[in-house]
PDB file of all heavy atoms in Angstrom:
ATOM      1  N   ARG A   1      76.509 -98.984  29.559  1.00  0.00           N
ATOM      2  CA  ARG A   1      77.300 -99.379  28.366  1.00  0.00           C
ATOM      3  C   ARG A   1      78.056 -98.231  27.760  1.00  0.00           C
ATOM      4  O   ARG A   1      79.149 -98.601  27.341  1.00  0.00           O
ATOM      5  CB  ARG A   1      76.184 -99.978  27.272  1.00  0.00           C
ATOM      6  CG  ARG A   1      75.965-101.422  27.502  1.00  0.00           C
ATOM      7  CD  ARG A   1      75.161-101.973  26.411  1.00  0.00           C
ATOM      8  NE  ARG A   1      73.809-101.833  26.775  1.00  0.00           N
ATOM      9  CZ  ARG A   1      72.772-101.753  26.014  1.00  0.00           C
ATOM     10  NH1 ARG A   1      72.897-101.596  24.723  1.00  0.00           N
ATOM     11  NH2 ARG A   1      71.519-101.805  26.456  1.00  0.00           N
ATOM     12  N   ILE A   2      77.515 -97.112  27.742  1.00  0.00           N
ATOM     13  CA  ILE A   2      78.356 -95.942  27.207  1.00  0.00           C
ATOM     14  C   ILE A   2      79.488 -95.674  28.067  1.00  0.00           C
ATOM     15  O   ILE A   2      80.643 -95.602  27.554  1.00  0.00           O
ATOM     16  CB  ILE A   2      77.449 -94.741  27.037  1.00  0.00           C
ATOM     17  CG1 ILE A   2      76.229 -94.878  26.059  1.00  0.00           C
ATOM     18  CG2 ILE A   2      78.280 -93.551  26.599  1.00  0.00           C
ATOM     19  CD1 ILE A   2      75.192 -93.891  26.132  1.00  0.00           C
ATOM     20  N   TRP A   3      79.312 -95.539  29.372  1.00  0.00           N
ATOM     21  CA  TRP A   3      80.465 -95.372  30.270  1.00  0.00           C
ATOM     22  C   TRP A   3      81.449 -96.440  30.252  1.00  0.00           C
ATOM     23  O   TRP A   3      82.698 -96.240  30.585  1.00  0.00           O
ATOM     24  CB  TRP A   3      79.859 -95.044  31.698  1.00  0.00           C
ATOM     25  CG  TRP A   3      79.525 -93.697  31.802  1.00  0.00           C
ATOM     26  CD1 TRP A   3      78.241 -93.090  31.623  1.00  0.00           C
ATOM     27  CD2 TRP A   3      80.299 -92.505  32.105  1.00  0.00           C
ATOM     28  NE1 TRP A   3      78.268 -91.710  31.736  1.00  0.00           N
ATOM     29  CE2 TRP A   3      79.568 -91.311  32.064  1.00  0.00           C
ATOM     30  CE3 TRP A   3      81.717 -92.375  32.350  1.00  0.00           C
ATOM     31  CZ2 TRP A   3      80.109 -90.108  32.343  1.00  0.00           C
ATOM     32  CZ3 TRP A   3      82.183 -91.050  32.617  1.00  0.00           C
ATOM     33  CH2 TRP A   3      81.351 -89.980  32.471  1.00  0.00           C
ATOM     34  N   ALA A   4      81.085 -97.722  29.989  1.00  0.00           N
ATOM     35  CA  ALA A   4      81.937 -98.824  29.852  1.00  0.00           C
ATOM     36  C   ALA A   4      82.990 -98.521  28.782  1.00  0.00           C
ATOM     37  O   ALA A   4      84.102 -99.291  28.774  1.00  0.00           O
ATOM     38  CB  ALA A   4      81.232-100.129  29.742  1.00  0.00           C
ATOM     39  N   LEU A   5      82.698 -97.783  27.870  1.00  0.00           N
ATOM     40  CA  LEU A   5      83.683 -97.486  26.730  1.00  0.00           C
ATOM     41  C   LEU A   5      84.892 -96.747  27.349  1.00  0.00           C
ATOM     42  O   LEU A   5      85.984 -96.688  26.670  1.00  0.00           O
ATOM     43  CB  LEU A   5      83.057 -96.615  25.650  1.00  0.00           C
ATOM     44  CG  LEU A   5      81.883 -97.148  24.862  1.00  0.00           C
ATOM     45  CD1 LEU A   5      81.205 -96.160  24.070  1.00  0.00           C
ATOM     46  CD2 LEU A   5      82.368 -98.454  24.107  1.00  0.00           C
ATOM     47  N   PHE A   6      84.758 -96.109  28.549  1.00  0.00           N
ATOM     48  CA  PHE A   6      85.843 -95.278  29.139  1.00  0.00           C
ATOM     49  C   PHE A   6      86.169 -95.870  30.530  1.00  0.00           C
ATOM     50  O   PHE A   6      85.707 -95.218  31.564  1.00  0.00           O
ATOM     51  CB  PHE A   6      85.461 -93.895  29.172  1.00  0.00           C
ATOM     52  CG  PHE A   6      84.907 -93.344  27.883  1.00  0.00           C
ATOM     53  CD1 PHE A   6      83.581 -93.309  27.565  1.00  0.00           C
ATOM     54  CD2 PHE A   6      85.808 -92.928  26.900  1.00  0.00           C
ATOM     55  CE1 PHE A   6      83.121 -92.838  26.420  1.00  0.00           C
ATOM     56  CE2 PHE A   6      85.435 -92.443  25.659  1.00  0.00           C
ATOM     57  CZ  PHE A   6      83.981 -92.432  25.442  1.00  0.00           C
ATOM     58  N   PRO A   7      86.869 -96.960  30.585  1.00  0.00           N
ATOM     59  CA  PRO A   7      87.159 -97.665  31.944  1.00  0.00           C
ATOM     60  C   PRO A   7      87.887 -96.758  32.825  1.00  0.00           C
ATOM     61  O   PRO A   7      87.880 -96.902  34.095  1.00  0.00           O
ATOM     62  CB  PRO A   7      87.841 -98.936  31.556  1.00  0.00           C
ATOM     63  CG  PRO A   7      88.290 -98.710  30.096  1.00  0.00           C
ATOM     64  CD  PRO A   7      87.526 -97.703  29.395  1.00  0.00           C
ATOM     65  N   THR A   8      88.685 -95.716  32.318  1.00  0.00           N
ATOM     66  CA  THR A   8      89.495 -94.981  33.204  1.00  0.00           C
ATOM     67  C   THR A   8      88.704 -93.723  33.716  1.00  0.00           C
ATOM     68  O   THR A   8      89.238 -92.993  34.513  1.00  0.00           O
ATOM     69  CB  THR A   8      90.801 -94.503  32.488  1.00  0.00           C
ATOM     70  OG1 THR A   8      90.485 -93.802  31.323  1.00  0.00           O
ATOM     71  CG2 THR A   8      91.697 -95.753  32.043  1.00  0.00           C
ATOM     72  N   ALA A   9      87.525 -93.419  33.141  1.00  0.00           N
ATOM     73  CA  ALA A   9      86.812 -92.220  33.600  1.00  0.00           C
ATOM     74  C   ALA A   9      85.772 -92.674  34.603  1.00  0.00           C
ATOM     75  O   ALA A   9      85.153 -93.686  34.596  1.00  0.00           O
ATOM     76  CB  ALA A   9      86.053 -91.703  32.400  1.00  0.00           C
ATOM     77  N   ASN A  10      85.746 -91.845  35.767  1.00  0.00           N
ATOM     78  CA  ASN A  10      84.771 -91.928  36.721  1.00  0.00           C
ATOM     79  C   ASN A  10      83.435 -91.553  36.265  1.00  0.00           C
ATOM     80  O   ASN A  10      83.345 -90.488  35.552  1.00  0.00           O
ATOM     81  CB  ASN A  10      85.151 -91.245  38.008  1.00  0.00           C
ATOM     82  CG  ASN A  10      86.307 -91.724  38.685  1.00  0.00           C
ATOM     83  OD1 ASN A  10      86.594 -93.011  38.559  1.00  0.00           O
ATOM     84  ND2 ASN A  10      87.128 -90.936  39.282  1.00  0.00           N
ATOM     85  N   TYR A  11      82.345 -92.293  36.627  1.00  0.00           N
ATOM     86  CA  TYR A  11      81.005 -91.821  36.191  1.00  0.00           C
ATOM     87  C   TYR A  11      80.609 -90.638  36.757  1.00  0.00           C
ATOM     88  O   TYR A  11      80.948 -90.239  38.009  1.00  0.00           O
ATOM     89  CB  TYR A  11      80.036 -93.009  36.669  1.00  0.00           C
ATOM     90  CG  TYR A  11      78.582 -92.587  36.315  1.00  0.00           C
ATOM     91  CD1 TYR A  11      78.025 -92.718  35.019  1.00  0.00           C
ATOM     92  CD2 TYR A  11      77.762 -91.899  37.273  1.00  0.00           C
ATOM     93  CE1 TYR A  11      76.874 -92.260  34.742  1.00  0.00           C
ATOM     94  CE2 TYR A  11      76.560 -91.421  36.920  1.00  0.00           C
ATOM     95  CZ  TYR A  11      76.078 -91.654  35.682  1.00  0.00           C
ATOM     96  OH  TYR A  11      74.811 -91.273  35.319  1.00  0.00           O
ATOM     97  N   ARG A  12      79.950 -89.781  35.943  1.00  0.00           N
ATOM     98  CA  ARG A  12      79.391 -88.449  36.309  1.00  0.00           C
ATOM     99  C   ARG A  12      77.987 -88.338  35.808  1.00  0.00           C
ATOM    100  O   ARG A  12      77.610 -89.045  34.832  1.00  0.00           O
ATOM    101  CB  ARG A  12      80.295 -87.312  35.808  1.00  0.00           C
ATOM    102  CG  ARG A  12      81.665 -87.264  36.498  1.00  0.00           C
ATOM    103  CD  ARG A  12      82.588 -86.228  35.903  1.00  0.00           C
ATOM    104  NE  ARG A  12      82.823 -86.168  34.474  1.00  0.00           N
ATOM    105  CZ  ARG A  12      83.601 -86.947  33.883  1.00  0.00           C
ATOM    106  NH1 ARG A  12      84.429 -87.858  34.599  1.00  0.00           N
ATOM    107  NH2 ARG A  12      83.841 -86.893  32.531  1.00  0.00           N
ATOM    108  N   THR A  13      77.244 -87.411  36.306  1.00  0.00           N
ATOM    109  CA  THR A  13      75.892 -87.298  35.897  1.00  0.00           C
ATOM    110  C   THR A  13      75.849 -86.964  34.364  1.00  0.00           C
ATOM    111  O   THR A  13      76.649 -86.194  33.852  1.00  0.00           O
ATOM    112  CB  THR A  13      75.180 -86.112  36.700  1.00  0.00           C
ATOM    113  OG1 THR A  13      75.292 -86.322  37.982  1.00  0.00           O
ATOM    114  CG2 THR A  13      73.707 -85.907  36.264  1.00  0.00           C
ATOM    115  N   SER A  14      74.958 -87.711  33.670  1.00  0.00           N
ATOM    116  CA  SER A  14      74.912 -87.610  32.241  1.00  0.00           C
ATOM    117  C   SER A  14      73.418 -87.643  31.787  1.00  0.00           C
ATOM    118  O   SER A  14      72.607 -88.291  32.418  1.00  0.00           O
ATOM    119  CB  SER A  14      75.631 -88.862  31.502  1.00  0.00           C
ATOM    120  OG  SER A  14      76.951 -88.914  32.063  1.00  0.00           O
ATOM    121  N   ILE A  15      73.162 -87.001  30.616  1.00  0.00           N
ATOM    122  CA  ILE A  15      71.969 -87.047  29.954  1.00  0.00           C
ATOM    123  C   ILE A  15      72.261 -87.246  28.484  1.00  0.00           C
ATOM    124  O   ILE A  15      73.341 -86.972  28.097  1.00  0.00           O
ATOM    125  CB  ILE A  15      71.102 -85.761  30.219  1.00  0.00           C
ATOM    126  CG1 ILE A  15      71.847 -84.523  29.836  1.00  0.00           C
ATOM    127  CG2 ILE A  15      70.649 -85.709  31.664  1.00  0.00           C
ATOM    128  CD1 ILE A  15      71.047 -83.238  29.876  1.00  0.00           C
ATOM    129  N   ALA A  16      71.156 -87.484  27.687  1.00  0.00           N
ATOM    130  CA  ALA A  16      71.381 -87.722  26.256  1.00  0.00           C
ATOM    131  C   ALA A  16      70.353 -86.788  25.469  1.00  0.00           C
ATOM    132  O   ALA A  16      69.265 -86.538  25.877  1.00  0.00           O
ATOM    133  CB  ALA A  16      71.116 -89.146  25.866  1.00  0.00           C
ATOM    134  N   TYR A  17      70.846 -86.385  24.279  1.00  0.00           N
ATOM    135  CA  TYR A  17      70.086 -85.624  23.458  1.00  0.00           C
ATOM    136  C   TYR A  17      70.151 -86.287  22.010  1.00  0.00           C
ATOM    137  O   TYR A  17      71.243 -86.806  21.677  1.00  0.00           O
ATOM    138  CB  TYR A  17      70.518 -84.206  23.297  1.00  0.00           C
ATOM    139  CG  TYR A  17      69.953 -83.289  24.427  1.00  0.00           C
ATOM    140  CD1 TYR A  17      70.583 -83.174  25.616  1.00  0.00           C
ATOM    141  CD2 TYR A  17      68.632 -82.665  24.204  1.00  0.00           C
ATOM    142  CE1 TYR A  17      70.060 -82.421  26.575  1.00  0.00           C
ATOM    143  CE2 TYR A  17      68.184 -81.898  25.272  1.00  0.00           C
ATOM    144  CZ  TYR A  17      68.836 -81.833  26.449  1.00  0.00           C
ATOM    145  OH  TYR A  17      68.336 -81.084  27.461  1.00  0.00           O
ATOM    146  N   VAL A  18      69.092 -86.171  21.243  1.00  0.00           N
ATOM    147  CA  VAL A  18      69.130 -86.623  19.830  1.00  0.00           C
ATOM    148  C   VAL A  18      68.988 -85.349  18.899  1.00  0.00           C
ATOM    149  O   VAL A  18      68.094 -84.512  19.124  1.00  0.00           O
ATOM    150  CB  VAL A  18      67.935 -87.584  19.478  1.00  0.00           C
ATOM    151  CG1 VAL A  18      68.042 -87.943  18.032  1.00  0.00           C
ATOM    152  CG2 VAL A  18      68.097 -88.825  20.457  1.00  0.00           C
ATOM    153  N   ALA A  19      69.860 -85.295  17.965  1.00  0.00           N
ATOM    154  CA  ALA A  19      69.685 -84.298  16.908  1.00  0.00           C
ATOM    155  C   ALA A  19      69.231 -84.863  15.678  1.00  0.00           C
ATOM    156  O   ALA A  19      69.844 -85.851  15.094  1.00  0.00           O
ATOM    157  CB  ALA A  19      71.143 -83.543  16.678  1.00  0.00           C
ATOM    158  N   SER A  20      68.052 -84.423  15.200  1.00  0.00           N
ATOM    159  CA  SER A  20      67.530 -85.048  14.012  1.00  0.00           C
ATOM    160  C   SER A  20      66.613 -83.993  13.233  1.00  0.00           C
ATOM    161  O   SER A  20      65.937 -83.201  13.801  1.00  0.00           O
ATOM    162  CB  SER A  20      66.567 -86.202  14.505  1.00  0.00           C
ATOM    163  OG  SER A  20      65.995 -86.908  13.406  1.00  0.00           O
ATOM    164  N   PRO A  21      66.490 -84.141  11.875  1.00  0.00           N
ATOM    165  CA  PRO A  21      67.309 -84.997  11.006  1.00  0.00           C
ATOM    166  C   PRO A  21      68.582 -84.287  10.700  1.00  0.00           C
ATOM    167  O   PRO A  21      68.613 -83.006  10.527  1.00  0.00           O
ATOM    168  CB  PRO A  21      66.460 -85.137   9.728  1.00  0.00           C
ATOM    169  CG  PRO A  21      65.693 -83.769   9.753  1.00  0.00           C
ATOM    170  CD  PRO A  21      65.442 -83.497  11.146  1.00  0.00           C
ATOM    171  N   VAL A  22      69.628 -84.948  10.416  1.00  0.00           N
ATOM    172  CA  VAL A  22      70.950 -84.534   9.986  1.00  0.00           C
ATOM    173  C   VAL A  22      71.093 -85.165   8.591  1.00  0.00           C
ATOM    174  O   VAL A  22      71.318 -86.342   8.585  1.00  0.00           O
ATOM    175  CB  VAL A  22      72.065 -84.783  10.860  1.00  0.00           C
ATOM    176  CG1 VAL A  22      73.437 -84.262  10.311  1.00  0.00           C
ATOM    177  CG2 VAL A  22      71.751 -84.158  12.300  1.00  0.00           C
ATOM    178  N   TRP A  23      70.997 -84.333   7.535  1.00  0.00           N
ATOM    179  CA  TRP A  23      71.036 -84.843   6.118  1.00  0.00           C
ATOM    180  C   TRP A  23      72.372 -84.924   5.593  1.00  0.00           C
ATOM    181  O   TRP A  23      73.064 -83.782   5.646  1.00  0.00           O
ATOM    182  CB  TRP A  23      70.090 -84.079   5.256  1.00  0.00           C
ATOM    183  CG  TRP A  23      68.653 -84.112   5.441  1.00  0.00           C
ATOM    184  CD1 TRP A  23      67.890 -83.400   6.249  1.00  0.00           C
ATOM    185  CD2 TRP A  23      67.805 -85.149   4.936  1.00  0.00           C
ATOM    186  NE1 TRP A  23      66.580 -83.811   6.263  1.00  0.00           N
ATOM    187  CE2 TRP A  23      66.486 -84.891   5.452  1.00  0.00           C
ATOM    188  CE3 TRP A  23      67.937 -86.143   3.975  1.00  0.00           C
ATOM    189  CZ2 TRP A  23      65.358 -85.668   5.087  1.00  0.00           C
ATOM    190  CZ3 TRP A  23      66.808 -86.926   3.676  1.00  0.00           C
ATOM    191  CH2 TRP A  23      65.592 -86.626   4.168  1.00  0.00           C
ATOM    192  N   ILE A  24      72.741 -85.985   4.953  1.00  0.00           N
ATOM    193  CA  ILE A  24      74.022 -85.997   4.145  1.00  0.00           C
ATOM    194  C   ILE A  24      73.665 -86.206   2.721  1.00  0.00           C
ATOM    195  O   ILE A  24      73.046 -87.330   2.396  1.00  0.00           O
ATOM    196  CB  ILE A  24      75.019 -87.146   4.660  1.00  0.00           C
ATOM    197  CG1 ILE A  24      75.390 -86.728   6.023  1.00  0.00           C
ATOM    198  CG2 ILE A  24      76.175 -87.197   3.706  1.00  0.00           C
ATOM    199  CD1 ILE A  24      76.433 -87.795   6.585  1.00  0.00           C
ATOM    200  N   ASP A  25      73.721 -85.155   1.950  1.00  0.00           N
ATOM    201  CA  ASP A  25      73.340 -85.241   0.543  1.00  0.00           C
ATOM    202  C   ASP A  25      74.441 -85.826  -0.313  1.00  0.00           C
ATOM    203  O   ASP A  25      75.660 -85.857   0.060  1.00  0.00           O
ATOM    204  CB  ASP A  25      73.048 -83.801  -0.032  1.00  0.00           C
ATOM    205  CG  ASP A  25      71.903 -83.113   0.696  1.00  0.00           C
ATOM    206  OD1 ASP A  25      70.858 -83.849   1.135  1.00  0.00           O
ATOM    207  OD2 ASP A  25      71.933 -81.943   0.972  1.00  0.00           O
ATOM    208  N   PRO A  26      73.966 -86.339  -1.509  1.00  0.00           N
ATOM    209  CA  PRO A  26      75.087 -86.888  -2.381  1.00  0.00           C
ATOM    210  C   PRO A  26      76.064 -85.856  -2.802  1.00  0.00           C
ATOM    211  O   PRO A  26      75.823 -84.750  -2.804  1.00  0.00           O
ATOM    212  CB  PRO A  26      74.262 -87.300  -3.535  1.00  0.00           C
ATOM    213  CG  PRO A  26      72.742 -87.349  -3.175  1.00  0.00           C
ATOM    214  CD  PRO A  26      72.645 -86.458  -1.978  1.00  0.00           C
ATOM    215  N   ALA A  27      77.284 -86.319  -3.125  1.00  0.00           N
ATOM    216  CA  ALA A  27      78.337 -85.526  -3.440  1.00  0.00           C
ATOM    217  C   ALA A  27      78.096 -84.769  -4.793  1.00  0.00           C
ATOM    218  O   ALA A  27      78.456 -83.484  -4.923  1.00  0.00           O
ATOM    219  CB  ALA A  27      79.638 -86.282  -3.645  1.00  0.00           C
ATOM    220  N   GLN A  28      77.428 -85.439  -5.691  1.00  0.00           N
ATOM    221  CA  GLN A  28      76.981 -84.665  -6.974  1.00  0.00           C
ATOM    222  C   GLN A  28      75.522 -84.247  -6.885  1.00  0.00           C
ATOM    223  O   GLN A  28      74.847 -85.235  -6.572  1.00  0.00           O
ATOM    224  CB  GLN A  28      77.230 -85.771  -8.142  1.00  0.00           C
ATOM    225  CG  GLN A  28      78.715 -86.195  -8.283  1.00  0.00           C
ATOM    226  CD  GLN A  28      79.630 -85.113  -8.645  1.00  0.00           C
ATOM    227  OE1 GLN A  28      79.288 -84.195  -9.402  1.00  0.00           O
ATOM    228  NE2 GLN A  28      80.833 -85.062  -8.062  1.00  0.00           N
ATOM    229  N   PRO A  29      75.330 -83.069  -7.342  1.00  0.00           N
ATOM    230  CA  PRO A  29      73.824 -82.640  -7.338  1.00  0.00           C
ATOM    231  C   PRO A  29      73.027 -83.444  -8.384  1.00  0.00           C
ATOM    232  O   PRO A  29      73.621 -83.973  -9.318  1.00  0.00           O
ATOM    233  CB  PRO A  29      73.888 -81.180  -7.725  1.00  0.00           C
ATOM    234  CG  PRO A  29      75.268 -81.004  -8.373  1.00  0.00           C
ATOM    235  CD  PRO A  29      76.217 -82.048  -7.672  1.00  0.00           C
ATOM    236  N   PRO A  30      71.755 -83.541  -8.067  1.00  0.00           N
ATOM    237  CA  PRO A  30      70.975 -84.329  -9.119  1.00  0.00           C
ATOM    238  C   PRO A  30      70.955 -83.681 -10.410  1.00  0.00           C
ATOM    239  O   PRO A  30      71.086 -82.441 -10.673  1.00  0.00           O
ATOM    240  CB  PRO A  30      69.566 -84.319  -8.545  1.00  0.00           C
ATOM    241  CG  PRO A  30      69.611 -83.250  -7.589  1.00  0.00           C
ATOM    242  CD  PRO A  30      71.029 -82.936  -7.174  1.00  0.00           C
ATOM    243  N   VAL A  31      70.973 -84.554 -11.504  1.00  0.00           N
ATOM    244  CA  VAL A  31      70.919 -84.053 -12.861  1.00  0.00           C
ATOM    245  C   VAL A  31      69.501 -83.506 -13.259  1.00  0.00           C
ATOM    246  O   VAL A  31      68.541 -84.169 -13.014  1.00  0.00           O
ATOM    247  CB  VAL A  31      71.308 -85.106 -13.874  1.00  0.00           C
ATOM    248  CG1 VAL A  31      71.200 -84.583 -15.247  1.00  0.00           C
ATOM    249  CG2 VAL A  31      72.692 -85.661 -13.604  1.00  0.00           C
ATOM    250  N   GLN A  32      69.457 -82.252 -13.626  1.00  0.00           N
ATOM    251  CA  GLN A  32      68.179 -81.544 -13.861  1.00  0.00           C
ATOM    252  C   GLN A  32      67.669 -81.891 -15.285  1.00  0.00           C
ATOM    253  O   GLN A  32      68.496 -81.949 -16.147  1.00  0.00           O
ATOM    254  CB  GLN A  32      68.337 -80.028 -13.672  1.00  0.00           C
ATOM    255  CG  GLN A  32      68.715 -79.531 -12.246  1.00  0.00           C
ATOM    256  CD  GLN A  32      67.692 -79.910 -11.195  1.00  0.00           C
ATOM    257  OE1 GLN A  32      66.434 -79.929 -11.493  1.00  0.00           O
ATOM    258  NE2 GLN A  32      68.164 -80.411 -10.165  1.00  0.00           N
ATOM    259  N   ALA A  33      66.397 -82.242 -15.376  1.00  0.00           N
ATOM    260  CA  ALA A  33      65.919 -82.525 -16.691  1.00  0.00           C
ATOM    261  C   ALA A  33      65.947 -81.201 -17.604  1.00  0.00           C
ATOM    262  O   ALA A  33      65.791 -80.168 -16.997  1.00  0.00           O
ATOM    263  CB  ALA A  33      64.472 -82.969 -16.587  1.00  0.00           C
ATOM    264  N   ARG A  34      66.040 -81.387 -18.879  1.00  0.00           N
ATOM    265  CA  ARG A  34      66.009 -80.345 -19.794  1.00  0.00           C
ATOM    266  C   ARG A  34      64.632 -79.810 -19.869  1.00  0.00           C
ATOM    267  O   ARG A  34      63.695 -80.475 -19.665  1.00  0.00           O
ATOM    268  CB  ARG A  34      66.583 -80.809 -21.084  1.00  0.00           C
ATOM    269  CG  ARG A  34      68.066 -81.168 -20.984  1.00  0.00           C
ATOM    270  CD  ARG A  34      68.501 -81.761 -22.270  1.00  0.00           C
ATOM    271  NE  ARG A  34      68.473 -80.825 -23.436  1.00  0.00           N
ATOM    272  CZ  ARG A  34      68.797 -81.158 -24.590  1.00  0.00           C
ATOM    273  NH1 ARG A  34      69.359 -82.361 -24.936  1.00  0.00           N
ATOM    274  NH2 ARG A  34      68.653 -80.356 -25.551  1.00  0.00           N
ATOM    275  N   VAL A  35      64.518 -78.440 -20.178  1.00  0.00           N
ATOM    276  CA  VAL A  35      63.250 -77.775 -20.234  1.00  0.00           C
ATOM    277  C   VAL A  35      62.590 -78.058 -21.562  1.00  0.00           C
ATOM    278  O   VAL A  35      63.158 -78.022 -22.603  1.00  0.00           O
ATOM    279  CB  VAL A  35      63.452 -76.284 -19.998  1.00  0.00           C
ATOM    280  CG1 VAL A  35      62.174 -75.512 -20.083  1.00  0.00           C
ATOM    281  CG2 VAL A  35      64.128 -75.994 -18.656  1.00  0.00           C
ATOM    282  N   VAL A  36      61.268 -78.420 -21.474  1.00  0.00           N
ATOM    283  CA  VAL A  36      60.544 -78.596 -22.654  1.00  0.00           C
ATOM    284  C   VAL A  36      60.008 -77.323 -23.185  1.00  0.00           C
ATOM    285  O   VAL A  36      59.271 -76.599 -22.460  1.00  0.00           O
ATOM    286  CB  VAL A  36      59.300 -79.675 -22.416  1.00  0.00           C
ATOM    287  CG1 VAL A  36      58.488 -79.709 -23.694  1.00  0.00           C
ATOM    288  CG2 VAL A  36      59.848 -80.929 -21.950  1.00  0.00           C
TER     289      VAL A  36
END
């Protein structure tokens, strides 16, 4: 299925790796509570 994405490429030996976890944090940092 992966190689079918590239119909003009000839199949070659392939392996797969997973990179985890990859965190995407919010654009705005969390609001910190005021100190009591």
